[in-house]
Amino acid sequence: MKKVRDHYFNKAKQEGFPARSVYKLKEAQRRFKLLSSGMKVLDLGASPGSWTKFAASVVGRNGKVIAIDLHPLKVDLPNVTRLTADCREISPNEILEKYGYFDCVLSDMAPKTTGRKDVDHYRSVELATTALEIAKVVLKENGRLFLKIFQGADFAAFRKECMAAFKKVRVFKPKSSRPESVEIFIYMEGLKHE
């Protein structure tokens, strides 16, 4: 298990990414083609910036990534706008007014873990719900959302909420995710506008 972690950690360093989490997004990109050239992307919980850097490389010069996190990003690119804020406290309508509609919302947000699986799970659901609520406001009609959540008692109920909001919902466990990890990802496509 440690070998797996070291492999992805070392690979990230060699490829110039701040964290190994980039490989989870790369796997999702291969599977779902969630990002493409010219897209406008909102990256929630973006620090240290691996997802931001990868998304920026895919969307290219004609694309734009708005990256938000409590902590400053280690990535500085011409097509990236960095905002330091708590995603739970930002107004989706203000984001919409300032930047317009987005093609894709990414969320790798995770709570600071306490070691208590139930507490960590509920906090993770809160963050995933935040991402879902923001996405419902800022996404274009056929927009996509890709988010992280911890498995647990409320997972099924949260997945139902996702299915009510999007036409297509897929649960995804990347190979680069540690085998013992409770994290799982949900890919959603085709926001249903009420």
C-alpha atoms as a PDB file:
ATOM      1  CA  MET A   1       0.000   0.000   0.000  1.00  0.00           C
ATOM      2  CA  LYS A   2       2.822   2.380   0.885  1.00  0.00           C
ATOM      3  CA  LYS A   3       4.441   1.507  -2.437  1.00  0.00           C
ATOM      4  CA  VAL A   4       1.299   2.633  -4.303  1.00  0.00           C
ATOM      5  CA  ARG A   5       1.278   5.929  -2.408  1.00  0.00           C
ATOM      6  CA  ASP A   6       4.966   6.478  -3.073  1.00  0.00           C
ATOM      7  CA  HIS A   7       4.538   5.694  -6.780  1.00  0.00           C
ATOM      8  CA  TYR A   8       1.849   8.365  -7.284  1.00  0.00           C
ATOM      9  CA  PHE A   9       3.530  10.824  -4.916  1.00  0.00           C
ATOM     10  CA  ASN A  10       6.848  10.518  -6.771  1.00  0.00           C
ATOM     11  CA  LYS A  11       5.147  10.630 -10.166  1.00  0.00           C
ATOM     12  CA  ALA A  12       3.368  13.875  -9.197  1.00  0.00           C
ATOM     13  CA  LYS A  13       6.673  15.444  -8.140  1.00  0.00           C
ATOM     14  CA  GLN A  14       8.352  14.359 -11.409  1.00  0.00           C
ATOM     15  CA  GLU A  15       5.488  15.740 -13.507  1.00  0.00           C
ATOM     16  CA  GLY A  16       5.418  19.050 -11.608  1.00  0.00           C
ATOM     17  CA  PHE A  17       2.100  18.628  -9.794  1.00  0.00           C
ATOM     18  CA  PRO A  18       1.756  19.769  -6.149  1.00  0.00           C
ATOM     19  CA  ALA A  19      -0.092  16.579  -5.060  1.00  0.00           C
ATOM     20  CA  ARG A  20      -0.865  12.979  -6.091  1.00  0.00           C
ATOM     21  CA  SER A  21      -4.601  13.797  -6.304  1.00  0.00           C
ATOM     22  CA  VAL A  22      -4.080  14.835  -9.937  1.00  0.00           C
ATOM     23  CA  TYR A  23      -4.141  11.157 -11.005  1.00  0.00           C
ATOM     24  CA  LYS A  24      -7.711  10.748  -9.732  1.00  0.00           C
ATOM     25  CA  LEU A  25      -8.800  13.590 -12.012  1.00  0.00           C
ATOM     26  CA  LYS A  26      -6.713  12.214 -14.903  1.00  0.00           C
ATOM     27  CA  GLU A  27      -8.466   8.824 -14.539  1.00  0.00           C
ATOM     28  CA  ALA A  28     -11.859  10.541 -14.492  1.00  0.00           C
ATOM     29  CA  GLN A  29     -10.888  12.528 -17.588  1.00  0.00           C
ATOM     30  CA  ARG A  30     -10.000   9.306 -19.441  1.00  0.00           C
ATOM     31  CA  ARG A  31     -13.265   7.671 -18.356  1.00  0.00           C
ATOM     32  CA  PHE A  32     -15.761  10.543 -18.690  1.00  0.00           C
ATOM     33  CA  LYS A  33     -14.067  13.233 -20.850  1.00  0.00           C
ATOM     34  CA  LEU A  34     -15.326  15.814 -18.373  1.00  0.00           C
ATOM     35  CA  LEU A  35     -12.938  18.568 -19.510  1.00  0.00           C
ATOM     36  CA  SER A  36     -12.276  19.884 -23.000  1.00  0.00           C
ATOM     37  CA  SER A  37     -10.588  22.795 -24.752  1.00  0.00           C
ATOM     38  CA  GLY A  38     -12.153  26.227 -24.227  1.00  0.00           C
ATOM     39  CA  MET A  39     -14.214  25.260 -21.170  1.00  0.00           C
ATOM     40  CA  LYS A  40     -14.828  27.451 -18.141  1.00  0.00           C
ATOM     41  CA  VAL A  41     -14.206  25.451 -14.951  1.00  0.00           C
ATOM     42  CA  LEU A  42     -14.888  26.169 -11.280  1.00  0.00           C
ATOM     43  CA  ASP A  43     -12.491  24.265  -8.990  1.00  0.00           C
ATOM     44  CA  LEU A  44     -13.698  24.115  -5.355  1.00  0.00           C
ATOM     45  CA  GLY A  45     -11.252  23.162  -2.596  1.00  0.00           C
ATOM     46  CA  ALA A  46      -8.466  23.674  -5.119  1.00  0.00           C
ATOM     47  CA  SER A  47      -5.347  23.902  -2.913  1.00  0.00           C
ATOM     48  CA  PRO A  48      -2.542  22.980  -3.396  1.00  0.00           C
ATOM     49  CA  GLY A  49      -3.535  23.158  -7.079  1.00  0.00           C
ATOM     50  CA  SER A  50      -2.977  19.819  -8.836  1.00  0.00           C
ATOM     51  CA  TRP A  51      -6.548  19.640 -10.179  1.00  0.00           C
ATOM     52  CA  THR A  52      -6.363  23.326 -11.157  1.00  0.00           C
ATOM     53  CA  LYS A  53      -3.106  22.831 -13.061  1.00  0.00           C
ATOM     54  CA  PHE A  54      -4.421  19.768 -14.912  1.00  0.00           C
ATOM     55  CA  ALA A  55      -7.773  21.429 -15.720  1.00  0.00           C
ATOM     56  CA  ALA A  56      -5.958  24.555 -16.968  1.00  0.00           C
ATOM     57  CA  SER A  57      -3.791  22.430 -19.292  1.00  0.00           C
ATOM     58  CA  VAL A  58      -6.863  20.693 -20.774  1.00  0.00           C
ATOM     59  CA  VAL A  59      -9.032  23.806 -21.260  1.00  0.00           C
ATOM     60  CA  GLY A  60      -6.062  25.665 -22.762  1.00  0.00           C
ATOM     61  CA  ARG A  61      -5.563  29.347 -23.537  1.00  0.00           C
ATOM     62  CA  ASN A  62      -9.172  29.852 -24.602  1.00  0.00           C
ATOM     63  CA  GLY A  63     -10.443  28.239 -21.404  1.00  0.00           C
ATOM     64  CA  LYS A  64     -10.601  29.560 -17.852  1.00  0.00           C
ATOM     65  CA  VAL A  65     -10.290  28.005 -14.398  1.00  0.00           C
ATOM     66  CA  ILE A  66     -11.600  29.798 -11.298  1.00  0.00           C
ATOM     67  CA  ALA A  67      -9.949  28.099  -8.304  1.00  0.00           C
ATOM     68  CA  ILE A  68     -11.255  28.620  -4.761  1.00  0.00           C
ATOM     69  CA  ASP A  69      -9.775  27.428  -1.472  1.00  0.00           C
ATOM     70  CA  LEU A  70      -9.215  28.506   2.127  1.00  0.00           C
ATOM     71  CA  HIS A  71      -5.484  28.071   1.528  1.00  0.00           C
ATOM     72  CA  PRO A  72      -3.422  29.806  -1.169  1.00  0.00           C
ATOM     73  CA  LEU A  73      -2.713  27.817  -4.340  1.00  0.00           C
ATOM     74  CA  LYS A  74       0.788  26.803  -5.363  1.00  0.00           C
ATOM     75  CA  VAL A  75      -0.182  27.197  -9.023  1.00  0.00           C
ATOM     76  CA  ASP A  76       0.078  30.444 -10.989  1.00  0.00           C
ATOM     77  CA  LEU A  77      -1.068  30.202 -14.610  1.00  0.00           C
ATOM     78  CA  PRO A  78      -2.406  32.808 -17.063  1.00  0.00           C
ATOM     79  CA  ASN A  79      -5.796  31.076 -17.508  1.00  0.00           C
ATOM     80  CA  VAL A  80      -6.338  30.573 -13.744  1.00  0.00           C
ATOM     81  CA  THR A  81      -8.008  33.017 -11.340  1.00  0.00           C
ATOM     82  CA  ARG A  82      -7.232  32.209  -7.694  1.00  0.00           C
ATOM     83  CA  LEU A  83      -9.653  33.143  -4.921  1.00  0.00           C
ATOM     84  CA  THR A  84      -8.958  32.588  -1.220  1.00  0.00           C
ATOM     85  CA  ALA A  85     -12.313  31.887   0.451  1.00  0.00           C
ATOM     86  CA  ASP A  86     -14.342  29.263   2.313  1.00  0.00           C
ATOM     87  CA  CYS A  87     -16.484  27.495  -0.290  1.00  0.00           C
ATOM     88  CA  ARG A  88     -19.235  27.067   2.331  1.00  0.00           C
ATOM     89  CA  GLU A  89     -19.490  30.839   2.699  1.00  0.00           C
ATOM     90  CA  ILE A  90     -19.352  32.019  -0.908  1.00  0.00           C
ATOM     91  CA  SER A  91     -22.496  33.073  -2.726  1.00  0.00           C
ATOM     92  CA  PRO A  92     -23.149  31.026  -5.887  1.00  0.00           C
ATOM     93  CA  ASN A  93     -25.117  33.957  -7.293  1.00  0.00           C
ATOM     94  CA  GLU A  94     -22.164  36.305  -6.808  1.00  0.00           C
ATOM     95  CA  ILE A  95     -19.894  33.836  -8.639  1.00  0.00           C
ATOM     96  CA  LEU A  96     -22.461  33.661 -11.447  1.00  0.00           C
ATOM     97  CA  GLU A  97     -22.711  37.466 -11.665  1.00  0.00           C
ATOM     98  CA  LYS A  98     -18.942  37.878 -11.764  1.00  0.00           C
ATOM     99  CA  TYR A  99     -17.909  34.980 -14.026  1.00  0.00           C
ATOM    100  CA  GLY A 100     -21.056  33.800 -15.835  1.00  0.00           C
ATOM    101  CA  TYR A 101     -22.066  30.165 -16.312  1.00  0.00           C
ATOM    102  CA  PHE A 102     -19.564  27.304 -16.079  1.00  0.00           C
ATOM    103  CA  ASP A 103     -19.174  24.164 -18.184  1.00  0.00           C
ATOM    104  CA  CYS A 104     -17.791  22.107 -15.311  1.00  0.00           C
ATOM    105  CA  VAL A 105     -17.502  22.247 -11.518  1.00  0.00           C
ATOM    106  CA  LEU A 106     -14.800  20.206  -9.765  1.00  0.00           C
ATOM    107  CA  SER A 107     -14.670  19.551  -6.030  1.00  0.00           C
ATOM    108  CA  ASP A 108     -11.876  17.725  -4.252  1.00  0.00           C
ATOM    109  CA  MET A 109     -12.996  19.244  -0.945  1.00  0.00           C
ATOM    110  CA  ALA A 110     -12.438  17.069   2.103  1.00  0.00           C
ATOM    111  CA  PRO A 111     -12.795  17.729   5.826  1.00  0.00           C
ATOM    112  CA  LYS A 112      -9.841  17.673   8.201  1.00  0.00           C
ATOM    113  CA  THR A 113     -10.167  14.081   9.365  1.00  0.00           C
ATOM    114  CA  THR A 114     -10.761  13.370  13.057  1.00  0.00           C
ATOM    115  CA  GLY A 115     -10.230   9.599  12.969  1.00  0.00           C
ATOM    116  CA  ARG A 116     -13.943   9.082  13.680  1.00  0.00           C
ATOM    117  CA  LYS A 117     -15.405   7.705  10.470  1.00  0.00           C
ATOM    118  CA  ASP A 118     -18.972   8.846  11.199  1.00  0.00           C
ATOM    119  CA  VAL A 119     -17.925  12.450  11.969  1.00  0.00           C
ATOM    120  CA  ASP A 120     -15.616  12.588   8.946  1.00  0.00           C
ATOM    121  CA  HIS A 121     -18.372  11.180   6.728  1.00  0.00           C
ATOM    122  CA  TYR A 122     -20.966  13.756   7.818  1.00  0.00           C
ATOM    123  CA  ARG A 123     -18.495  16.604   7.309  1.00  0.00           C
ATOM    124  CA  SER A 124     -17.638  15.222   3.881  1.00  0.00           C
ATOM    125  CA  VAL A 125     -21.353  15.075   2.980  1.00  0.00           C
ATOM    126  CA  GLU A 126     -21.678  18.722   4.059  1.00  0.00           C
ATOM    127  CA  LEU A 127     -18.855  19.725   1.685  1.00  0.00           C
ATOM    128  CA  ALA A 128     -20.234  17.595  -1.164  1.00  0.00           C
ATOM    129  CA  THR A 129     -23.659  19.179  -0.631  1.00  0.00           C
ATOM    130  CA  THR A 130     -22.020  22.624  -0.799  1.00  0.00           C
ATOM    131  CA  ALA A 131     -20.469  21.698  -4.163  1.00  0.00           C
ATOM    132  CA  LEU A 132     -23.790  20.334  -5.442  1.00  0.00           C
ATOM    133  CA  GLU A 133     -25.699  23.477  -4.406  1.00  0.00           C
ATOM    134  CA  ILE A 134     -23.105  25.771  -6.016  1.00  0.00           C
ATOM    135  CA  ALA A 135     -23.132  23.669  -9.201  1.00  0.00           C
ATOM    136  CA  LYS A 136     -26.929  23.870  -9.454  1.00  0.00           C
ATOM    137  CA  VAL A 137     -26.661  27.665  -9.675  1.00  0.00           C
ATOM    138  CA  VAL A 138     -23.523  28.196 -11.788  1.00  0.00           C
ATOM    139  CA  LEU A 139     -23.593  25.328 -14.305  1.00  0.00           C
ATOM    140  CA  LYS A 140     -24.826  25.557 -17.869  1.00  0.00           C
ATOM    141  CA  GLU A 141     -27.699  23.250 -18.783  1.00  0.00           C
ATOM    142  CA  ASN A 142     -25.469  20.391 -19.961  1.00  0.00           C
ATOM    143  CA  GLY A 143     -22.873  21.184 -17.310  1.00  0.00           C
ATOM    144  CA  ARG A 144     -20.811  18.599 -15.446  1.00  0.00           C
ATOM    145  CA  LEU A 145     -19.946  18.143 -11.806  1.00  0.00           C
ATOM    146  CA  PHE A 146     -17.200  15.887 -10.444  1.00  0.00           C
ATOM    147  CA  LEU A 147     -16.891  15.708  -6.666  1.00  0.00           C
ATOM    148  CA  LYS A 148     -15.348  13.757  -3.828  1.00  0.00           C
ATOM    149  CA  ILE A 149     -17.323  12.339  -0.914  1.00  0.00           C
ATOM    150  CA  PHE A 150     -16.566   9.865   1.885  1.00  0.00           C
ATOM    151  CA  GLN A 151     -18.632   6.679   1.962  1.00  0.00           C
ATOM    152  CA  GLY A 152     -20.947   6.187   4.921  1.00  0.00           C
ATOM    153  CA  ALA A 153     -24.530   6.211   6.207  1.00  0.00           C
ATOM    154  CA  ASP A 154     -25.702   9.260   4.221  1.00  0.00           C
ATOM    155  CA  PHE A 155     -24.077   8.344   0.915  1.00  0.00           C
ATOM    156  CA  ALA A 156     -27.196   6.767  -0.628  1.00  0.00           C
ATOM    157  CA  ALA A 157     -29.351   9.789   0.272  1.00  0.00           C
ATOM    158  CA  PHE A 158     -26.766  12.169  -1.201  1.00  0.00           C
ATOM    159  CA  ARG A 159     -26.593  10.116  -4.400  1.00  0.00           C
ATOM    160  CA  LYS A 160     -30.391  10.432  -4.692  1.00  0.00           C
ATOM    161  CA  GLU A 161     -30.045  14.219  -4.476  1.00  0.00           C
ATOM    162  CA  CYS A 162     -27.503  14.070  -7.302  1.00  0.00           C
ATOM    163  CA  MET A 163     -29.847  11.930  -9.409  1.00  0.00           C
ATOM    164  CA  ALA A 164     -32.651  14.445  -8.859  1.00  0.00           C
ATOM    165  CA  ALA A 165     -30.407  17.261 -10.125  1.00  0.00           C
ATOM    166  CA  PHE A 166     -28.558  15.567 -13.030  1.00  0.00           C
ATOM    167  CA  LYS A 167     -29.540  13.348 -15.964  1.00  0.00           C
ATOM    168  CA  LYS A 168     -26.460  11.121 -15.649  1.00  0.00           C
ATOM    169  CA  VAL A 169     -24.798  10.110 -12.347  1.00  0.00           C
ATOM    170  CA  ARG A 170     -21.833   7.711 -12.082  1.00  0.00           C
ATOM    171  CA  VAL A 171     -19.994   6.603  -8.930  1.00  0.00           C
ATOM    172  CA  PHE A 172     -16.264   6.217  -9.503  1.00  0.00           C
ATOM    173  CA  LYS A 173     -13.340   4.859  -7.425  1.00  0.00           C
ATOM    174  CA  PRO A 174     -10.041   5.728  -9.138  1.00  0.00           C
ATOM    175  CA  LYS A 175      -7.159   3.225  -9.110  1.00  0.00           C
ATOM    176  CA  SER A 176      -4.913   5.963  -7.726  1.00  0.00           C
ATOM    177  CA  SER A 177      -7.157   6.286  -4.664  1.00  0.00           C
ATOM    178  CA  ARG A 178      -5.633   4.395  -1.733  1.00  0.00           C
ATOM    179  CA  PRO A 179      -7.358   0.992  -1.335  1.00  0.00           C
ATOM    180  CA  GLU A 180      -8.094   1.629   2.350  1.00  0.00           C
ATOM    181  CA  SER A 181      -9.528   5.108   1.651  1.00  0.00           C
ATOM    182  CA  VAL A 182     -13.266   5.755   2.156  1.00  0.00           C
ATOM    183  CA  GLU A 183     -13.196   8.472  -0.496  1.00  0.00           C
ATOM    184  CA  ILE A 184     -15.264   7.960  -3.615  1.00  0.00           C
ATOM    185  CA  PHE A 185     -16.091  10.263  -6.506  1.00  0.00           C
ATOM    186  CA  ILE A 186     -19.333  11.057  -8.287  1.00  0.00           C
ATOM    187  CA  TYR A 187     -19.469  12.239 -11.887  1.00  0.00           C
ATOM    188  CA  MET A 188     -22.616  14.051 -12.960  1.00  0.00           C
ATOM    189  CA  GLU A 189     -23.653  15.338 -16.351  1.00  0.00           C
ATOM    190  CA  GLY A 190     -26.623  17.217 -17.767  1.00  0.00           C
ATOM    191  CA  LEU A 191     -27.929  19.519 -15.056  1.00  0.00           C
ATOM    192  CA  LYS A 192     -31.720  19.469 -14.970  1.00  0.00           C
ATOM    193  CA  HIS A 193     -32.821  23.102 -14.831  1.00  0.00           C
ATOM    194  CA  GLU A 194     -36.109  23.507 -13.007  1.00  0.00           C
END
